[in-house]
């Protein structure tokens, strides 16, 4: 499996999982942020 970060969202990060051999997508996961992160512009 290969994990690839797809999107950085306000409530967490979206990851895609693909087969390392053929590249077929096997699923995705949204990992929720554990602490409040503030962006400064």
C-alpha atoms as a PDB file:
ATOM      1  CA  UNK A   1       0.000   0.000   0.000  1.00  0.00           C
ATOM      2  CA  UNK A   2       0.994   3.553  -0.695  1.00  0.00           C
ATOM      3  CA  UNK A   3      -0.516   6.434   1.214  1.00  0.00           C
ATOM      4  CA  UNK A   4      -0.975   9.695  -0.681  1.00  0.00           C
ATOM      5  CA  UNK A   5      -2.171  12.984   0.784  1.00  0.00           C
ATOM      6  CA  UNK A   6      -4.986  14.315  -1.409  1.00  0.00           C
ATOM      7  CA  UNK A   7      -6.385  17.332   0.448  1.00  0.00           C
ATOM      8  CA  UNK A   8      -5.664  19.392   3.532  1.00  0.00           C
ATOM      9  CA  UNK A   9      -9.072  20.271   4.952  1.00  0.00           C
ATOM     10  CA  UNK A  10     -10.015  22.522   7.892  1.00  0.00           C
ATOM     11  CA  UNK A  11     -11.170  19.500   9.911  1.00  0.00           C
ATOM     12  CA  UNK A  12      -8.438  17.034   8.854  1.00  0.00           C
ATOM     13  CA  UNK A  13      -6.437  15.543   5.994  1.00  0.00           C
ATOM     14  CA  UNK A  14      -7.810  13.308   3.215  1.00  0.00           C
ATOM     15  CA  UNK A  15      -5.570  10.384   2.219  1.00  0.00           C
ATOM     16  CA  UNK A  16      -5.863   7.957  -0.702  1.00  0.00           C
ATOM     17  CA  UNK A  17      -4.504   4.407  -0.466  1.00  0.00           C
ATOM     18  CA  UNK A  18      -3.250   2.647  -3.592  1.00  0.00           C
ATOM     19  CA  UNK A  19      -1.769  -0.744  -4.381  1.00  0.00           C
ATOM     20  CA  UNK A  20       2.030  -0.390  -4.683  1.00  0.00           C
ATOM     21  CA  UNK A  21       2.081  -2.966  -7.477  1.00  0.00           C
ATOM     22  CA  UNK A  22      -0.730  -1.980  -9.863  1.00  0.00           C
ATOM     23  CA  UNK A  23      -1.738   1.522  -8.659  1.00  0.00           C
ATOM     24  CA  UNK A  24      -5.404   0.644  -8.098  1.00  0.00           C
ATOM     25  CA  UNK A  25      -7.146   2.754  -5.465  1.00  0.00           C
ATOM     26  CA  UNK A  26      -8.069   0.615  -2.465  1.00  0.00           C
ATOM     27  CA  UNK A  27      -9.735   3.275  -0.334  1.00  0.00           C
ATOM     28  CA  UNK A  28      -9.448   6.622   1.361  1.00  0.00           C
ATOM     29  CA  UNK A  29      -9.429   8.015   4.878  1.00  0.00           C
ATOM     30  CA  UNK A  30      -9.981  11.404   6.504  1.00  0.00           C
ATOM     31  CA  UNK A  31      -7.668  11.847   9.462  1.00  0.00           C
ATOM     32  CA  UNK A  32      -9.106  14.374  11.907  1.00  0.00           C
ATOM     33  CA  UNK A  33      -6.873  17.089  13.378  1.00  0.00           C
ATOM     34  CA  UNK A  34      -6.100  16.379  16.997  1.00  0.00           C
ATOM     35  CA  UNK A  35      -5.435  19.965  18.036  1.00  0.00           C
ATOM     36  CA  UNK A  36      -6.575  23.357  16.928  1.00  0.00           C
ATOM     37  CA  UNK A  37      -4.144  24.635  14.302  1.00  0.00           C
ATOM     38  CA  UNK A  38      -4.312  28.275  13.285  1.00  0.00           C
ATOM     39  CA  UNK A  39      -2.986  29.562   9.987  1.00  0.00           C
ATOM     40  CA  UNK A  40      -1.473  33.042   9.933  1.00  0.00           C
ATOM     41  CA  UNK A  41      -1.608  34.926   6.655  1.00  0.00           C
END
